[in-house]
Amino acid sequence: MEIATLIVSPFETNCYVIWEDKSLEAAIIDPGDEADRIVQEIERLKVIPKAVVLTHGHGDHIGAVTQLMERYGIPLFAGKGEEELLASPTKNFSASFGLPITCPAPEKLLIEGDTIAIGRLMLTAIPTPGHSPGGMSYLSGKHLFCGDTLFYGSVGRTDFPGCSHKQLIDSIIEKLLVLPDDTVCYPGHGPSTTIGEERKHNPFLNGSYFV
């Protein structure tokens, strides 16, 4: 897997372009804003977008979805439970910042174990609700795209309507910390990390994990 990271929007959201080196087929994960910049990067990389994939539906992760879907004629995938966020600027909080954002309905609402094929790459859906009702992480080999569920040294916010801190921590412990230590985590904001690093040093997890 090849990965390019673009930091977009005033919220410094990580948008990932991932592709398979033989076919050059690509997925765009969490295109939060700045569609033109993302298009420029895709053209520079000479990859072929095949899907937009969302970890969750908050406004800072979906701002460029519609433009990219229309430009490339590609489908959208998101976790089951995110429908209202994708359709409502109030529920995805973009209305709060005076920039009401929605995006088209996904081609498929994913559940646990569903896969998305990108060339020879396979993204496997892992439900990680808590930061949002239908939050989804995606695993391909030792690469985990975990959105705003797990960060370097931290975890996602749960002070929004529809969030649950207990559900978030349970998601991390039950779905992510069971992965090998050398699994690389690509979060929705900030630097990448590994499951081993977070298992050992994340202050939000140490106490919970060993209870």
C-alpha atoms as a PDB file:
ATOM      1  CA  MET A   1       0.000   0.000   0.000  1.00  0.00           C
ATOM      2  CA  GLU A   2       1.101   3.518  -0.828  1.00  0.00           C
ATOM      3  CA  ILE A   3      -0.190   6.391   1.296  1.00  0.00           C
ATOM      4  CA  ALA A   4      -0.205  10.156   0.796  1.00  0.00           C
ATOM      5  CA  THR A   5      -1.428  12.430   3.590  1.00  0.00           C
ATOM      6  CA  LEU A   6      -2.926  15.874   3.069  1.00  0.00           C
ATOM      7  CA  ILE A   7      -3.799  18.082   6.030  1.00  0.00           C
ATOM      8  CA  VAL A   8      -6.947  19.971   5.061  1.00  0.00           C
ATOM      9  CA  SER A   9      -9.432  22.439   6.521  1.00  0.00           C
ATOM     10  CA  PRO A  10      -8.996  24.833   9.445  1.00  0.00           C
ATOM     11  CA  PHE A  11      -9.412  21.776  11.676  1.00  0.00           C
ATOM     12  CA  GLU A  12      -6.252  20.170  10.229  1.00  0.00           C
ATOM     13  CA  THR A  13      -8.001  16.976   9.202  1.00  0.00           C
ATOM     14  CA  ASN A  14      -5.868  14.184   7.792  1.00  0.00           C
ATOM     15  CA  CYS A  15      -7.097  13.194   4.345  1.00  0.00           C
ATOM     16  CA  TYR A  16      -5.444  10.018   3.081  1.00  0.00           C
ATOM     17  CA  VAL A  17      -5.032   8.974  -0.529  1.00  0.00           C
ATOM     18  CA  ILE A  18      -4.145   5.287  -0.564  1.00  0.00           C
ATOM     19  CA  TRP A  19      -3.376   3.219  -3.630  1.00  0.00           C
ATOM     20  CA  GLU A  20      -2.166  -0.081  -4.925  1.00  0.00           C
ATOM     21  CA  ASP A  21       1.088   0.227  -6.830  1.00  0.00           C
ATOM     22  CA  LYS A  22       0.270  -2.130  -9.716  1.00  0.00           C
ATOM     23  CA  SER A  23      -3.108  -0.891 -10.853  1.00  0.00           C
ATOM     24  CA  LEU A  24      -2.736   2.598  -9.326  1.00  0.00           C
ATOM     25  CA  GLU A  25      -6.344   2.300  -8.151  1.00  0.00           C
ATOM     26  CA  ALA A  26      -6.915   4.567  -5.156  1.00  0.00           C
ATOM     27  CA  ALA A  27      -9.296   5.408  -2.328  1.00  0.00           C
ATOM     28  CA  ILE A  28      -9.714   8.830  -0.760  1.00  0.00           C
ATOM     29  CA  ILE A  29     -10.253   8.582   2.987  1.00  0.00           C
ATOM     30  CA  ASP A  30     -11.888  11.489   4.865  1.00  0.00           C
ATOM     31  CA  PRO A  31     -11.638  14.340   2.325  1.00  0.00           C
ATOM     32  CA  GLY A  32     -12.548  17.027   4.832  1.00  0.00           C
ATOM     33  CA  ASP A  33     -12.058  20.120   2.675  1.00  0.00           C
ATOM     34  CA  GLU A  34      -9.954  21.673  -0.114  1.00  0.00           C
ATOM     35  CA  ALA A  35     -11.150  19.499  -2.974  1.00  0.00           C
ATOM     36  CA  ASP A  36      -8.894  21.333  -5.432  1.00  0.00           C
ATOM     37  CA  ARG A  37      -5.787  20.471  -3.411  1.00  0.00           C
ATOM     38  CA  ILE A  38      -6.828  16.838  -3.217  1.00  0.00           C
ATOM     39  CA  VAL A  39      -7.410  16.745  -6.983  1.00  0.00           C
ATOM     40  CA  GLN A  40      -3.983  18.286  -7.579  1.00  0.00           C
ATOM     41  CA  GLU A  41      -2.366  15.618  -5.418  1.00  0.00           C
ATOM     42  CA  ILE A  42      -4.244  12.844  -7.209  1.00  0.00           C
ATOM     43  CA  GLU A  43      -3.070  14.205 -10.547  1.00  0.00           C
ATOM     44  CA  ARG A  44       0.492  14.515  -9.273  1.00  0.00           C
ATOM     45  CA  LEU A  45       0.448  10.918  -8.066  1.00  0.00           C
ATOM     46  CA  LYS A  46      -1.183   9.735 -11.310  1.00  0.00           C
ATOM     47  CA  VAL A  47      -3.522   7.424  -9.402  1.00  0.00           C
ATOM     48  CA  ILE A  48      -7.070   6.424 -10.328  1.00  0.00           C
ATOM     49  CA  PRO A  49      -9.684   7.167  -7.642  1.00  0.00           C
ATOM     50  CA  LYS A  50     -12.222   4.386  -7.175  1.00  0.00           C
ATOM     51  CA  ALA A  51     -13.962   5.327  -3.922  1.00  0.00           C
ATOM     52  CA  VAL A  52     -14.393   7.868  -1.166  1.00  0.00           C
ATOM     53  CA  VAL A  53     -14.288   6.203   2.245  1.00  0.00           C
ATOM     54  CA  LEU A  54     -15.356   7.892   5.487  1.00  0.00           C
ATOM     55  CA  THR A  55     -14.398   7.003   9.025  1.00  0.00           C
ATOM     56  CA  HIS A  56     -17.317   9.159  10.222  1.00  0.00           C
ATOM     57  CA  GLY A  57     -19.625  11.942   9.129  1.00  0.00           C
ATOM     58  CA  HIS A  58     -18.573  15.064  11.029  1.00  0.00           C
ATOM     59  CA  GLY A  59     -18.295  18.190   8.914  1.00  0.00           C
ATOM     60  CA  ASP A  60     -14.508  18.432   9.111  1.00  0.00           C
ATOM     61  CA  HIS A  61     -14.217  15.014   7.453  1.00  0.00           C
ATOM     62  CA  ILE A  62     -16.753  15.355   4.616  1.00  0.00           C
ATOM     63  CA  GLY A  63     -16.343  18.845   3.176  1.00  0.00           C
ATOM     64  CA  ALA A  64     -14.871  17.741  -0.163  1.00  0.00           C
ATOM     65  CA  VAL A  65     -16.855  14.521  -0.623  1.00  0.00           C
ATOM     66  CA  THR A  66     -19.449  15.811  -3.090  1.00  0.00           C
ATOM     67  CA  GLN A  67     -16.921  17.524  -5.357  1.00  0.00           C
ATOM     68  CA  LEU A  68     -14.690  14.449  -5.534  1.00  0.00           C
ATOM     69  CA  MET A  69     -17.593  12.069  -6.154  1.00  0.00           C
ATOM     70  CA  GLU A  70     -18.835  14.255  -8.984  1.00  0.00           C
ATOM     71  CA  ARG A  71     -15.424  14.810 -10.538  1.00  0.00           C
ATOM     72  CA  TYR A  72     -14.430  11.149 -10.615  1.00  0.00           C
ATOM     73  CA  GLY A  73     -17.834   9.456 -10.708  1.00  0.00           C
ATOM     74  CA  ILE A  74     -16.967   7.319  -7.719  1.00  0.00           C
ATOM     75  CA  PRO A  75     -19.059   5.858  -4.875  1.00  0.00           C
ATOM     76  CA  LEU A  76     -19.063   6.754  -1.203  1.00  0.00           C
ATOM     77  CA  PHE A  77     -18.722   4.269   1.664  1.00  0.00           C
ATOM     78  CA  ALA A  78     -19.432   4.976   5.338  1.00  0.00           C
ATOM     79  CA  GLY A  79     -20.444   3.115   8.457  1.00  0.00           C
ATOM     80  CA  LYS A  80     -24.053   2.214   9.160  1.00  0.00           C
ATOM     81  CA  GLY A  81     -25.338   4.737  11.669  1.00  0.00           C
ATOM     82  CA  GLU A  82     -23.775   7.822  10.074  1.00  0.00           C
ATOM     83  CA  GLU A  83     -26.716   8.567   7.773  1.00  0.00           C
ATOM     84  CA  GLU A  84     -28.085  11.479   9.782  1.00  0.00           C
ATOM     85  CA  LEU A  85     -24.678  13.114  10.133  1.00  0.00           C
ATOM     86  CA  LEU A  86     -24.057  12.978   6.402  1.00  0.00           C
ATOM     87  CA  ALA A  87     -27.451  14.503   5.622  1.00  0.00           C
ATOM     88  CA  SER A  88     -27.710  17.150   8.352  1.00  0.00           C
ATOM     89  CA  PRO A  89     -25.434  20.186   8.830  1.00  0.00           C
ATOM     90  CA  THR A  90     -26.823  20.490  12.338  1.00  0.00           C
ATOM     91  CA  LYS A  91     -25.982  16.922  13.314  1.00  0.00           C
ATOM     92  CA  ASN A  92     -22.530  16.975  11.661  1.00  0.00           C
ATOM     93  CA  PHE A  93     -21.818  20.347  13.328  1.00  0.00           C
ATOM     94  CA  SER A  94     -20.858  22.174  10.140  1.00  0.00           C
ATOM     95  CA  ALA A  95     -23.830  24.520  10.621  1.00  0.00           C
ATOM     96  CA  SER A  96     -22.270  25.702  13.879  1.00  0.00           C
ATOM     97  CA  PHE A  97     -19.395  27.185  11.895  1.00  0.00           C
ATOM     98  CA  GLY A  98     -21.568  28.843   9.249  1.00  0.00           C
ATOM     99  CA  LEU A  99     -20.537  26.353   6.560  1.00  0.00           C
ATOM    100  CA  PRO A 100     -23.435  23.920   6.191  1.00  0.00           C
ATOM    101  CA  ILE A 101     -22.122  20.716   4.638  1.00  0.00           C
ATOM    102  CA  THR A 102     -23.888  17.598   3.452  1.00  0.00           C
ATOM    103  CA  CYS A 103     -22.914  14.837   1.084  1.00  0.00           C
ATOM    104  CA  PRO A 104     -24.740  12.244  -1.027  1.00  0.00           C
ATOM    105  CA  ALA A 105     -26.010   9.023   0.477  1.00  0.00           C
ATOM    106  CA  PRO A 106     -23.343   6.296   0.517  1.00  0.00           C
ATOM    107  CA  GLU A 107     -23.510   3.525  -2.059  1.00  0.00           C
ATOM    108  CA  LYS A 108     -23.176   1.156   0.883  1.00  0.00           C
ATOM    109  CA  LEU A 109     -23.503   1.579   4.638  1.00  0.00           C
ATOM    110  CA  LEU A 110     -20.879  -0.715   6.046  1.00  0.00           C
ATOM    111  CA  ILE A 111     -21.140  -3.155   8.924  1.00  0.00           C
ATOM    112  CA  GLU A 112     -18.488  -5.187  10.666  1.00  0.00           C
ATOM    113  CA  GLY A 113     -16.440  -7.329   8.310  1.00  0.00           C
ATOM    114  CA  ASP A 114     -17.518  -5.620   5.106  1.00  0.00           C
ATOM    115  CA  THR A 115     -14.673  -5.047   2.673  1.00  0.00           C
ATOM    116  CA  ILE A 116     -13.802  -2.484   0.038  1.00  0.00           C
ATOM    117  CA  ALA A 117     -11.525  -3.656  -2.785  1.00  0.00           C
ATOM    118  CA  ILE A 118      -9.113  -1.089  -4.220  1.00  0.00           C
ATOM    119  CA  GLY A 119      -7.103  -2.902  -6.845  1.00  0.00           C
ATOM    120  CA  ARG A 120      -5.434  -5.707  -4.902  1.00  0.00           C
ATOM    121  CA  LEU A 121      -5.875  -3.832  -1.622  1.00  0.00           C
ATOM    122  CA  MET A 122      -8.676  -4.783   0.723  1.00  0.00           C
ATOM    123  CA  LEU A 123     -10.022  -2.450   3.398  1.00  0.00           C
ATOM    124  CA  THR A 124     -11.897  -4.302   6.134  1.00  0.00           C
ATOM    125  CA  ALA A 125     -14.491  -2.369   8.130  1.00  0.00           C
ATOM    126  CA  ILE A 126     -14.141  -2.399  11.920  1.00  0.00           C
ATOM    127  CA  PRO A 127     -16.973  -0.637  13.785  1.00  0.00           C
ATOM    128  CA  THR A 128     -15.566   1.791  16.370  1.00  0.00           C
ATOM    129  CA  PRO A 129     -18.517   3.898  17.569  1.00  0.00           C
ATOM    130  CA  GLY A 130     -18.218   6.377  20.396  1.00  0.00           C
ATOM    131  CA  HIS A 131     -16.990   9.562  18.735  1.00  0.00           C
ATOM    132  CA  SER A 132     -19.970   9.182  16.418  1.00  0.00           C
ATOM    133  CA  PRO A 133     -22.807   6.629  16.226  1.00  0.00           C
ATOM    134  CA  GLY A 134     -21.510   4.746  13.190  1.00  0.00           C
ATOM    135  CA  GLY A 135     -17.805   5.468  13.406  1.00  0.00           C
ATOM    136  CA  MET A 136     -15.751   3.010  11.382  1.00  0.00           C
ATOM    137  CA  SER A 137     -12.066   2.131  11.247  1.00  0.00           C
ATOM    138  CA  TYR A 138     -10.492   0.371   8.268  1.00  0.00           C
ATOM    139  CA  LEU A 139      -7.741  -2.223   8.325  1.00  0.00           C
ATOM    140  CA  SER A 140      -5.558  -3.286   5.423  1.00  0.00           C
ATOM    141  CA  GLY A 141      -2.663  -5.501   6.447  1.00  0.00           C
ATOM    142  CA  LYS A 142      -0.774  -3.578   9.137  1.00  0.00           C
ATOM    143  CA  HIS A 143      -2.375  -0.241   8.211  1.00  0.00           C
ATOM    144  CA  LEU A 144      -5.306   1.024  10.311  1.00  0.00           C
ATOM    145  CA  PHE A 145      -7.269   4.162   9.405  1.00  0.00           C
ATOM    146  CA  CYS A 146      -8.957   4.999  12.696  1.00  0.00           C
ATOM    147  CA  GLY A 147     -10.440   8.458  12.150  1.00  0.00           C
ATOM    148  CA  ASP A 148     -11.181  10.319  15.379  1.00  0.00           C
ATOM    149  CA  THR A 149     -11.397   7.170  17.474  1.00  0.00           C
ATOM    150  CA  LEU A 150      -7.739   6.862  18.467  1.00  0.00           C
ATOM    151  CA  PHE A 151      -4.988   9.480  18.349  1.00  0.00           C
ATOM    152  CA  TYR A 152      -1.322   9.584  19.257  1.00  0.00           C
ATOM    153  CA  GLY A 153      -1.522   9.761  23.046  1.00  0.00           C
ATOM    154  CA  SER A 154      -5.221  10.536  23.100  1.00  0.00           C
ATOM    155  CA  VAL A 155      -8.720   9.473  22.042  1.00  0.00           C
ATOM    156  CA  GLY A 156     -11.611  11.127  20.242  1.00  0.00           C
ATOM    157  CA  ARG A 157     -13.902  13.726  21.759  1.00  0.00           C
ATOM    158  CA  THR A 158     -17.140  12.489  23.266  1.00  0.00           C
ATOM    159  CA  ASP A 159     -18.732  15.747  24.399  1.00  0.00           C
ATOM    160  CA  PHE A 160     -20.952  16.037  21.303  1.00  0.00           C
ATOM    161  CA  PRO A 161     -24.564  14.842  21.044  1.00  0.00           C
ATOM    162  CA  GLY A 162     -24.580  11.208  19.957  1.00  0.00           C
ATOM    163  CA  CYS A 163     -21.167  10.487  21.484  1.00  0.00           C
ATOM    164  CA  SER A 164     -20.307   8.100  24.318  1.00  0.00           C
ATOM    165  CA  HIS A 165     -16.977   7.970  26.141  1.00  0.00           C
ATOM    166  CA  LYS A 166     -17.633   4.467  27.446  1.00  0.00           C
ATOM    167  CA  GLN A 167     -18.565   3.242  23.988  1.00  0.00           C
ATOM    168  CA  LEU A 168     -15.440   4.851  22.531  1.00  0.00           C
ATOM    169  CA  ILE A 169     -13.105   3.243  25.058  1.00  0.00           C
ATOM    170  CA  ASP A 170     -14.858  -0.109  24.647  1.00  0.00           C
ATOM    171  CA  SER A 171     -14.436   0.192  20.860  1.00  0.00           C
ATOM    172  CA  ILE A 172     -10.716   0.836  21.205  1.00  0.00           C
ATOM    173  CA  ILE A 173     -10.130  -1.946  23.709  1.00  0.00           C
ATOM    174  CA  GLU A 174     -12.293  -4.577  22.020  1.00  0.00           C
ATOM    175  CA  LYS A 175     -11.644  -3.786  18.362  1.00  0.00           C
ATOM    176  CA  LEU A 176      -8.281  -2.011  18.061  1.00  0.00           C
ATOM    177  CA  LEU A 177      -6.042  -3.057  20.955  1.00  0.00           C
ATOM    178  CA  VAL A 178      -6.506  -6.679  19.889  1.00  0.00           C
ATOM    179  CA  LEU A 179      -4.504  -5.904  16.737  1.00  0.00           C
ATOM    180  CA  PRO A 180      -0.736  -6.573  16.602  1.00  0.00           C
ATOM    181  CA  ASP A 181       1.523  -4.004  18.253  1.00  0.00           C
ATOM    182  CA  ASP A 182       3.172  -3.104  14.947  1.00  0.00           C
ATOM    183  CA  THR A 183      -0.139  -2.084  13.337  1.00  0.00           C
ATOM    184  CA  VAL A 184       0.314   1.516  12.182  1.00  0.00           C
ATOM    185  CA  CYS A 185      -2.580   3.819  13.071  1.00  0.00           C
ATOM    186  CA  TYR A 186      -3.486   6.722  10.786  1.00  0.00           C
ATOM    187  CA  PRO A 187      -5.790   9.040  12.761  1.00  0.00           C
ATOM    188  CA  GLY A 188      -8.118  11.789  11.657  1.00  0.00           C
ATOM    189  CA  HIS A 189      -5.866  14.481  13.133  1.00  0.00           C
ATOM    190  CA  GLY A 190      -2.240  14.585  14.208  1.00  0.00           C
ATOM    191  CA  PRO A 191       0.648  12.176  13.702  1.00  0.00           C
ATOM    192  CA  SER A 192       0.483   8.464  13.082  1.00  0.00           C
ATOM    193  CA  THR A 193       1.185   6.006  15.870  1.00  0.00           C
ATOM    194  CA  THR A 194       1.072   2.258  16.513  1.00  0.00           C
ATOM    195  CA  ILE A 195      -1.180  -0.017  18.479  1.00  0.00           C
ATOM    196  CA  GLY A 196       1.777  -1.000  20.676  1.00  0.00           C
ATOM    197  CA  GLU A 197       2.587   2.633  21.471  1.00  0.00           C
ATOM    198  CA  GLU A 198      -0.985   3.400  22.456  1.00  0.00           C
ATOM    199  CA  ARG A 199      -1.416   0.181  24.419  1.00  0.00           C
ATOM    200  CA  LYS A 200       1.588   1.071  26.567  1.00  0.00           C
ATOM    201  CA  HIS A 201       1.512   4.849  26.827  1.00  0.00           C
ATOM    202  CA  ASN A 202      -1.917   6.293  26.032  1.00  0.00           C
ATOM    203  CA  PRO A 203      -3.132   7.792  29.342  1.00  0.00           C
ATOM    204  CA  PHE A 204      -6.789   7.370  28.339  1.00  0.00           C
ATOM    205  CA  LEU A 205      -6.332   3.632  27.907  1.00  0.00           C
ATOM    206  CA  ASN A 206      -3.871   2.416  30.507  1.00  0.00           C
ATOM    207  CA  GLY A 207      -6.283   2.397  33.432  1.00  0.00           C
ATOM    208  CA  SER A 208      -9.264   1.187  31.407  1.00  0.00           C
ATOM    209  CA  TYR A 209      -7.335  -1.537  29.627  1.00  0.00           C
ATOM    210  CA  PHE A 210      -6.046  -3.205  32.767  1.00  0.00           C
ATOM    211  CA  VAL A 211      -9.242  -2.989  34.853  1.00  0.00           C
END
